Amino acid sequence: MKTKIVFISILVLLFSLPAEAQCAMCRAVLESEEGQETAKGINNGIVYLMIIPYVLIAVVGYFIYRNKKKPGSQQ
């Protein structure tokens, strides 16, 4: 069961699609620029900021799971 979860997680990470996370106002201002380097930088920053809450929830969930599975912690 664990190997199946690890395998699926690896597949999701390898085949993830790039996310476009700009609001309409940011996109309108940044599309007028030549080269689109600033737009790519802002887009990457937004995506990184979106990832942080998910990572924090995953870490907290892992610690809760680990504490529930400790031997001798049954009531």
PDB file of N, CA and C in Angstrom:
ATOM      1  N   MET A   1       0.825  -1.194   0.000  1.00  0.00           N
ATOM      2  CA  MET A   1       0.000   0.000   0.000  1.00  0.00           C
ATOM      3  C   MET A   1       0.871   1.260   0.000  1.00  0.00           C
ATOM      4  N   LYS A   2       1.950   1.251   0.807  1.00  0.00           N
ATOM      5  CA  LYS A   2       2.829   2.429   0.858  1.00  0.00           C
ATOM      6  C   LYS A   2       3.515   2.665  -0.482  1.00  0.00           C
ATOM      7  N   THR A   3       3.929   1.590  -1.133  1.00  0.00           N
ATOM      8  CA  THR A   3       4.624   1.758  -2.409  1.00  0.00           C
ATOM      9  C   THR A   3       3.688   2.340  -3.461  1.00  0.00           C
ATOM     10  N   LYS A   4       2.412   1.987  -3.387  1.00  0.00           N
ATOM     11  CA  LYS A   4       1.446   2.524  -4.339  1.00  0.00           C
ATOM     12  C   LYS A   4       1.279   4.034  -4.129  1.00  0.00           C
ATOM     13  N   ILE A   5       1.222   4.470  -2.880  1.00  0.00           N
ATOM     14  CA  ILE A   5       1.073   5.892  -2.577  1.00  0.00           C
ATOM     15  C   ILE A   5       2.317   6.655  -3.016  1.00  0.00           C
ATOM     16  N   VAL A   6       3.494   6.110  -2.760  1.00  0.00           N
ATOM     17  CA  VAL A   6       4.741   6.763  -3.163  1.00  0.00           C
ATOM     18  C   VAL A   6       4.815   6.853  -4.685  1.00  0.00           C
ATOM     19  N   PHE A   7       4.436   5.795  -5.364  1.00  0.00           N
ATOM     20  CA  PHE A   7       4.471   5.769  -6.826  1.00  0.00           C
ATOM     21  C   PHE A   7       3.528   6.821  -7.409  1.00  0.00           C
ATOM     22  N   ILE A   8       2.327   6.908  -6.878  1.00  0.00           N
ATOM     23  CA  ILE A   8       1.359   7.896  -7.367  1.00  0.00           C
ATOM     24  C   ILE A   8       1.854   9.315  -7.070  1.00  0.00           C
ATOM     25  N   SER A   9       2.453   9.526  -5.900  1.00  0.00           N
ATOM     26  CA  SER A   9       2.986  10.849  -5.561  1.00  0.00           C
ATOM     27  C   SER A   9       4.089  11.263  -6.519  1.00  0.00           C
ATOM     28  N   ILE A  10       4.964  10.342  -6.854  1.00  0.00           N
ATOM     29  CA  ILE A  10       6.048  10.643  -7.791  1.00  0.00           C
ATOM     30  C   ILE A  10       5.490  10.970  -9.168  1.00  0.00           C
ATOM     31  N   LEU A  11       4.488  10.212  -9.615  1.00  0.00           N
ATOM     32  CA  LEU A  11       3.878  10.490 -10.917  1.00  0.00           C
ATOM     33  C   LEU A  11       3.228  11.868 -10.952  1.00  0.00           C
ATOM     34  N   VAL A  12       2.542  12.233  -9.881  1.00  0.00           N
ATOM     35  CA  VAL A  12       1.894  13.548  -9.828  1.00  0.00           C
ATOM     36  C   VAL A  12       2.938  14.655  -9.884  1.00  0.00           C
ATOM     37  N   LEU A  13       4.049  14.490  -9.171  1.00  0.00           N
ATOM     38  CA  LEU A  13       5.091  15.515  -9.182  1.00  0.00           C
ATOM     39  C   LEU A  13       5.785  15.611 -10.536  1.00  0.00           C
ATOM     40  N   LEU A  14       5.981  14.484 -11.204  1.00  0.00           N
ATOM     41  CA  LEU A  14       6.672  14.492 -12.486  1.00  0.00           C
ATOM     42  C   LEU A  14       5.812  15.042 -13.618  1.00  0.00           C
ATOM     43  N   PHE A  15       4.525  14.766 -13.567  1.00  0.00           N
ATOM     44  CA  PHE A  15       3.650  15.146 -14.671  1.00  0.00           C
ATOM     45  C   PHE A  15       2.700  16.283 -14.319  1.00  0.00           C
ATOM     46  N   SER A  16       3.107  17.139 -13.401  1.00  0.00           N
ATOM     47  CA  SER A  16       2.265  18.276 -13.052  1.00  0.00           C
ATOM     48  C   SER A  16       2.329  19.327 -14.152  1.00  0.00           C
ATOM     49  N   LEU A  17       1.227  20.012 -14.342  1.00  0.00           N
ATOM     50  CA  LEU A  17       1.145  21.043 -15.369  1.00  0.00           C
ATOM     51  C   LEU A  17       1.571  22.386 -14.783  1.00  0.00           C
ATOM     52  N   PRO A  18       2.175  23.231 -15.571  1.00  0.00           N
ATOM     53  CA  PRO A  18       2.538  24.549 -15.050  1.00  0.00           C
ATOM     54  C   PRO A  18       1.282  25.350 -14.725  1.00  0.00           C
ATOM     55  N   ALA A  19       1.325  26.071 -13.629  1.00  0.00           N
ATOM     56  CA  ALA A  19       0.158  26.834 -13.182  1.00  0.00           C
ATOM     57  C   ALA A  19       0.310  28.296 -13.565  1.00  0.00           C
ATOM     58  N   GLU A  20      -0.748  28.887 -14.010  1.00  0.00           N
ATOM     59  CA  GLU A  20      -0.796  30.315 -14.294  1.00  0.00           C
ATOM     60  C   GLU A  20      -1.646  30.943 -13.201  1.00  0.00           C
ATOM     61  N   ALA A  21      -1.037  31.771 -12.346  1.00  0.00           N
ATOM     62  CA  ALA A  21      -1.730  32.233 -11.158  1.00  0.00           C
ATOM     63  C   ALA A  21      -1.831  33.747 -11.060  1.00  0.00           C
ATOM     64  N   GLN A  22      -1.868  34.436 -12.153  1.00  0.00           N
ATOM     65  CA  GLN A  22      -1.944  35.888 -12.094  1.00  0.00           C
ATOM     66  C   GLN A  22      -3.400  36.338 -12.112  1.00  0.00           C
ATOM     67  N   CYS A  23      -3.660  37.404 -11.380  1.00  0.00           N
ATOM     68  CA  CYS A  23      -4.996  37.989 -11.435  1.00  0.00           C
ATOM     69  C   CYS A  23      -5.132  38.762 -12.754  1.00  0.00           C
ATOM     70  N   ALA A  24      -6.333  39.165 -13.071  1.00  0.00           N
ATOM     71  CA  ALA A  24      -6.592  39.843 -14.344  1.00  0.00           C
ATOM     72  C   ALA A  24      -5.851  41.184 -14.440  1.00  0.00           C
ATOM     73  N   MET A  25      -5.788  41.911 -13.348  1.00  0.00           N
ATOM     74  CA  MET A  25      -5.115  43.210 -13.374  1.00  0.00           C
ATOM     75  C   MET A  25      -3.605  43.050 -13.576  1.00  0.00           C
ATOM     76  N   CYS A  26      -3.000  42.099 -12.869  1.00  0.00           N
ATOM     77  CA  CYS A  26      -1.554  41.878 -13.024  1.00  0.00           C
ATOM     78  C   CYS A  26      -1.238  41.418 -14.441  1.00  0.00           C
ATOM     79  N   ARG A  27      -2.070  40.540 -14.971  1.00  0.00           N
ATOM     80  CA  ARG A  27      -1.834  40.035 -16.321  1.00  0.00           C
ATOM     81  C   ARG A  27      -1.914  41.162 -17.338  1.00  0.00           C
ATOM     82  N   ALA A  28      -2.889  42.051 -17.206  1.00  0.00           N
ATOM     83  CA  ALA A  28      -3.060  43.141 -18.171  1.00  0.00           C
ATOM     84  C   ALA A  28      -1.860  44.082 -18.154  1.00  0.00           C
ATOM     85  N   VAL A  29      -1.322  44.359 -16.983  1.00  0.00           N
ATOM     86  CA  VAL A  29      -0.176  45.269 -16.885  1.00  0.00           C
ATOM     87  C   VAL A  29       1.086  44.591 -17.412  1.00  0.00           C
ATOM     88  N   LEU A  30       1.272  43.329 -17.084  1.00  0.00           N
ATOM     89  CA  LEU A  30       2.522  42.651 -17.432  1.00  0.00           C
ATOM     90  C   LEU A  30       2.571  42.141 -18.866  1.00  0.00           C
ATOM     91  N   GLU A  31       1.427  41.985 -19.526  1.00  0.00           N
ATOM     92  CA  GLU A  31       1.436  41.499 -20.908  1.00  0.00           C
ATOM     93  C   GLU A  31       2.007  42.526 -21.886  1.00  0.00           C
ATOM     94  N   SER A  32       1.974  43.778 -21.506  1.00  0.00           N
ATOM     95  CA  SER A  32       2.470  44.823 -22.408  1.00  0.00           C
ATOM     96  C   SER A  32       3.998  44.882 -22.443  1.00  0.00           C
ATOM     97  N   GLU A  33       4.662  44.172 -21.549  1.00  0.00           N
ATOM     98  CA  GLU A  33       6.125  44.214 -21.473  1.00  0.00           C
ATOM     99  C   GLU A  33       6.766  43.282 -22.504  1.00  0.00           C
ATOM    100  N   GLU A  34       7.906  43.698 -23.024  1.00  0.00           N
ATOM    101  CA  GLU A  34       8.667  42.863 -23.955  1.00  0.00           C
ATOM    102  C   GLU A  34       9.416  41.777 -23.190  1.00  0.00           C
ATOM    103  N   GLY A  35       9.433  40.561 -23.701  1.00  0.00           N
ATOM    104  CA  GLY A  35      10.215  39.474 -23.114  1.00  0.00           C
ATOM    105  C   GLY A  35       9.495  38.691 -22.039  1.00  0.00           C
ATOM    106  N   GLN A  36       8.549  39.291 -21.371  1.00  0.00           N
ATOM    107  CA  GLN A  36       7.719  38.617 -20.374  1.00  0.00           C
ATOM    108  C   GLN A  36       8.494  38.065 -19.180  1.00  0.00           C
ATOM    109  N   GLU A  37       9.698  38.542 -18.926  1.00  0.00           N
ATOM    110  CA  GLU A  37      10.495  38.037 -17.802  1.00  0.00           C
ATOM    111  C   GLU A  37       9.898  38.443 -16.454  1.00  0.00           C
ATOM    112  N   THR A  38       9.412  39.667 -16.343  1.00  0.00           N
ATOM    113  CA  THR A  38       8.800  40.116 -15.095  1.00  0.00           C
ATOM    114  C   THR A  38       7.532  39.333 -14.821  1.00  0.00           C
ATOM    115  N   ALA A  39       6.736  39.070 -15.851  1.00  0.00           N
ATOM    116  CA  ALA A  39       5.496  38.308 -15.681  1.00  0.00           C
ATOM    117  C   ALA A  39       5.795  36.890 -15.204  1.00  0.00           C
ATOM    118  N   LYS A  40       6.834  36.280 -15.751  1.00  0.00           N
ATOM    119  CA  LYS A  40       7.201  34.924 -15.317  1.00  0.00           C
ATOM    120  C   LYS A  40       7.651  34.925 -13.860  1.00  0.00           C
ATOM    121  N   GLY A  41       8.402  35.940 -13.460  1.00  0.00           N
ATOM    122  CA  GLY A  41       8.865  36.036 -12.084  1.00  0.00           C
ATOM    123  C   GLY A  41       7.718  36.219 -11.099  1.00  0.00           C
ATOM    124  N   ILE A  42       6.779  37.087 -11.451  1.00  0.00           N
ATOM    125  CA  ILE A  42       5.622  37.306 -10.575  1.00  0.00           C
ATOM    126  C   ILE A  42       4.772  36.043 -10.501  1.00  0.00           C
ATOM    127  N   ASN A  43       4.588  35.376 -11.623  1.00  0.00           N
ATOM    128  CA  ASN A  43       3.803  34.146 -11.648  1.00  0.00           C
ATOM    129  C   ASN A  43       4.443  33.082 -10.770  1.00  0.00           C
ATOM    130  N   ASN A  44       5.750  32.917 -10.849  1.00  0.00           N
ATOM    131  CA  ASN A  44       6.433  31.934 -10.007  1.00  0.00           C
ATOM    132  C   ASN A  44       6.307  32.282  -8.525  1.00  0.00           C
ATOM    133  N   GLY A  45       6.405  33.558  -8.196  1.00  0.00           N
ATOM    134  CA  GLY A  45       6.249  33.978  -6.807  1.00  0.00           C
ATOM    135  C   GLY A  45       4.866  33.663  -6.263  1.00  0.00           C
ATOM    136  N   ILE A  46       3.851  33.885  -7.060  1.00  0.00           N
ATOM    137  CA  ILE A  46       2.482  33.586  -6.634  1.00  0.00           C
ATOM    138  C   ILE A  46       2.306  32.092  -6.406  1.00  0.00           C
ATOM    139  N   VAL A  47       2.843  31.291  -7.302  1.00  0.00           N
ATOM    140  CA  VAL A  47       2.723  29.836  -7.148  1.00  0.00           C
ATOM    141  C   VAL A  47       3.456  29.365  -5.895  1.00  0.00           C
ATOM    142  N   TYR A  48       4.639  29.884  -5.627  1.00  0.00           N
ATOM    143  CA  TYR A  48       5.365  29.502  -4.417  1.00  0.00           C
ATOM    144  C   TYR A  48       4.589  29.889  -3.166  1.00  0.00           C
ATOM    145  N   LEU A  49       3.973  31.057  -3.174  1.00  0.00           N
ATOM    146  CA  LEU A  49       3.169  31.470  -2.022  1.00  0.00           C
ATOM    147  C   LEU A  49       1.951  30.580  -1.835  1.00  0.00           C
ATOM    148  N   MET A  50       1.418  30.035  -2.917  1.00  0.00           N
ATOM    149  CA  MET A  50       0.267  29.128  -2.809  1.00  0.00           C
ATOM    150  C   MET A  50       0.676  27.773  -2.240  1.00  0.00           C
ATOM    151  N   ILE A  51       1.911  27.359  -2.448  1.00  0.00           N
ATOM    152  CA  ILE A  51       2.366  26.037  -2.011  1.00  0.00           C
ATOM    153  C   ILE A  51       2.581  25.983  -0.504  1.00  0.00           C
ATOM    154  N   ILE A  52       2.990  27.076   0.116  1.00  0.00           N
ATOM    155  CA  ILE A  52       3.364  27.085   1.532  1.00  0.00           C
ATOM    156  C   ILE A  52       2.253  26.573   2.447  1.00  0.00           C
ATOM    157  N   PRO A  53       0.996  27.007   2.322  1.00  0.00           N
ATOM    158  CA  PRO A  53      -0.037  26.472   3.221  1.00  0.00           C
ATOM    159  C   PRO A  53      -0.244  24.974   3.068  1.00  0.00           C
ATOM    160  N   TYR A  54      -0.139  24.452   1.846  1.00  0.00           N
ATOM    161  CA  TYR A  54      -0.309  23.017   1.641  1.00  0.00           C
ATOM    162  C   TYR A  54       0.815  22.225   2.296  1.00  0.00           C
ATOM    163  N   VAL A  55       2.021  22.727   2.217  1.00  0.00           N
ATOM    164  CA  VAL A  55       3.153  22.050   2.857  1.00  0.00           C
ATOM    165  C   VAL A  55       2.981  22.072   4.378  1.00  0.00           C
ATOM    166  N   LEU A  56       2.559  23.197   4.933  1.00  0.00           N
ATOM    167  CA  LEU A  56       2.346  23.276   6.372  1.00  0.00           C
ATOM    168  C   LEU A  56       1.256  22.321   6.839  1.00  0.00           C
ATOM    169  N   ILE A  57       0.163  22.234   6.102  1.00  0.00           N
ATOM    170  CA  ILE A  57      -0.910  21.302   6.460  1.00  0.00           C
ATOM    171  C   ILE A  57      -0.419  19.865   6.363  1.00  0.00           C
ATOM    172  N   ALA A  58       0.387  19.546   5.363  1.00  0.00           N
ATOM    173  CA  ALA A  58       0.922  18.194   5.222  1.00  0.00           C
ATOM    174  C   ALA A  58       1.839  17.840   6.389  1.00  0.00           C
ATOM    175  N   VAL A  59       2.668  18.775   6.831  1.00  0.00           N
ATOM    176  CA  VAL A  59       3.577  18.522   7.953  1.00  0.00           C
ATOM    177  C   VAL A  59       2.789  18.301   9.238  1.00  0.00           C
ATOM    178  N   VAL A  60       1.798  19.136   9.491  1.00  0.00           N
ATOM    179  CA  VAL A  60       0.971  18.967  10.689  1.00  0.00           C
ATOM    180  C   VAL A  60       0.222  17.635  10.629  1.00  0.00           C
ATOM    181  N   GLY A  61      -0.316  17.299   9.482  1.00  0.00           N
ATOM    182  CA  GLY A  61      -1.004  16.021   9.311  1.00  0.00           C
ATOM    183  C   GLY A  61      -0.084  14.839   9.551  1.00  0.00           C
ATOM    184  N   TYR A  62       1.154  14.946   9.079  1.00  0.00           N
ATOM    185  CA  TYR A  62       2.115  13.865   9.290  1.00  0.00           C
ATOM    186  C   TYR A  62       2.407  13.672  10.775  1.00  0.00           C
ATOM    187  N   PHE A  63       2.606  14.771  11.504  1.00  0.00           N
ATOM    188  CA  PHE A  63       2.886  14.650  12.933  1.00  0.00           C
ATOM    189  C   PHE A  63       1.686  14.095  13.697  1.00  0.00           C
ATOM    190  N   ILE A  64       0.487  14.473  13.318  1.00  0.00           N
ATOM    191  CA  ILE A  64      -0.707  13.905  13.955  1.00  0.00           C
ATOM    192  C   ILE A  64      -0.791  12.419  13.661  1.00  0.00           C
ATOM    193  N   TYR A  65      -0.554  12.035  12.415  1.00  0.00           N
ATOM    194  CA  TYR A  65      -0.586  10.625  12.036  1.00  0.00           C
ATOM    195  C   TYR A  65       0.473   9.837  12.801  1.00  0.00           C
ATOM    196  N   ARG A  66       1.674  10.394  12.899  1.00  0.00           N
ATOM    197  CA  ARG A  66       2.758   9.701  13.593  1.00  0.00           C
ATOM    198  C   ARG A  66       2.451   9.528  15.078  1.00  0.00           C
ATOM    199  N   ASN A  67       1.866  10.542  15.698  1.00  0.00           N
ATOM    200  CA  ASN A  67       1.517  10.451  17.110  1.00  0.00           C
ATOM    201  C   ASN A  67       0.379   9.466  17.356  1.00  0.00           C
ATOM    202  N   LYS A  68      -0.539   9.336  16.443  1.00  0.00           N
ATOM    203  CA  LYS A  68      -1.652   8.377  16.585  1.00  0.00           C
ATOM    204  C   LYS A  68      -1.171   6.946  16.408  1.00  0.00           C
ATOM    205  N   LYS A  69      -0.126   6.720  15.630  1.00  0.00           N
ATOM    206  CA  LYS A  69       0.368   5.370  15.339  1.00  0.00           C
ATOM    207  C   LYS A  69       1.426   4.878  16.308  1.00  0.00           C
ATOM    208  N   LYS A  70       1.782   5.665  17.321  1.00  0.00           N
ATOM    209  CA  LYS A  70       2.790   5.227  18.278  1.00  0.00           C
ATOM    210  C   LYS A  70       2.288   4.015  19.053  1.00  0.00           C
ATOM    211  N   PRO A  71       3.136   2.995  19.238  1.00  0.00           N
ATOM    212  CA  PRO A  71       2.706   1.834  20.033  1.00  0.00           C
ATOM    213  C   PRO A  71       2.530   2.224  21.503  1.00  0.00           C
ATOM    214  N   GLY A  72       1.487   1.678  22.121  1.00  0.00           N
ATOM    215  CA  GLY A  72       1.219   1.977  23.506  1.00  0.00           C
ATOM    216  C   GLY A  72       0.399   3.229  23.715  1.00  0.00           C
ATOM    217  N   SER A  73      -0.023   3.900  22.646  1.00  0.00           N
ATOM    218  CA  SER A  73      -0.829   5.105  22.800  1.00  0.00           C
ATOM    219  C   SER A  73      -2.327   4.802  22.719  1.00  0.00           C
ATOM    220  N   GLN A  74      -2.665   3.508  22.730  1.00  0.00           N
ATOM    221  CA  GLN A  74      -4.088   3.124  22.678  1.00  0.00           C
ATOM    222  C   GLN A  74      -4.726   3.334  24.036  1.00  0.00           C
ATOM    223  N   GLN A  75      -5.976   3.731  24.032  1.00  0.00           N
ATOM    224  CA  GLN A  75      -6.688   4.001  25.284  1.00  0.00           C
ATOM    225  C   GLN A  75      -7.522   2.826  25.702  1.00  0.00           C
TER     226      GLN A  75
END
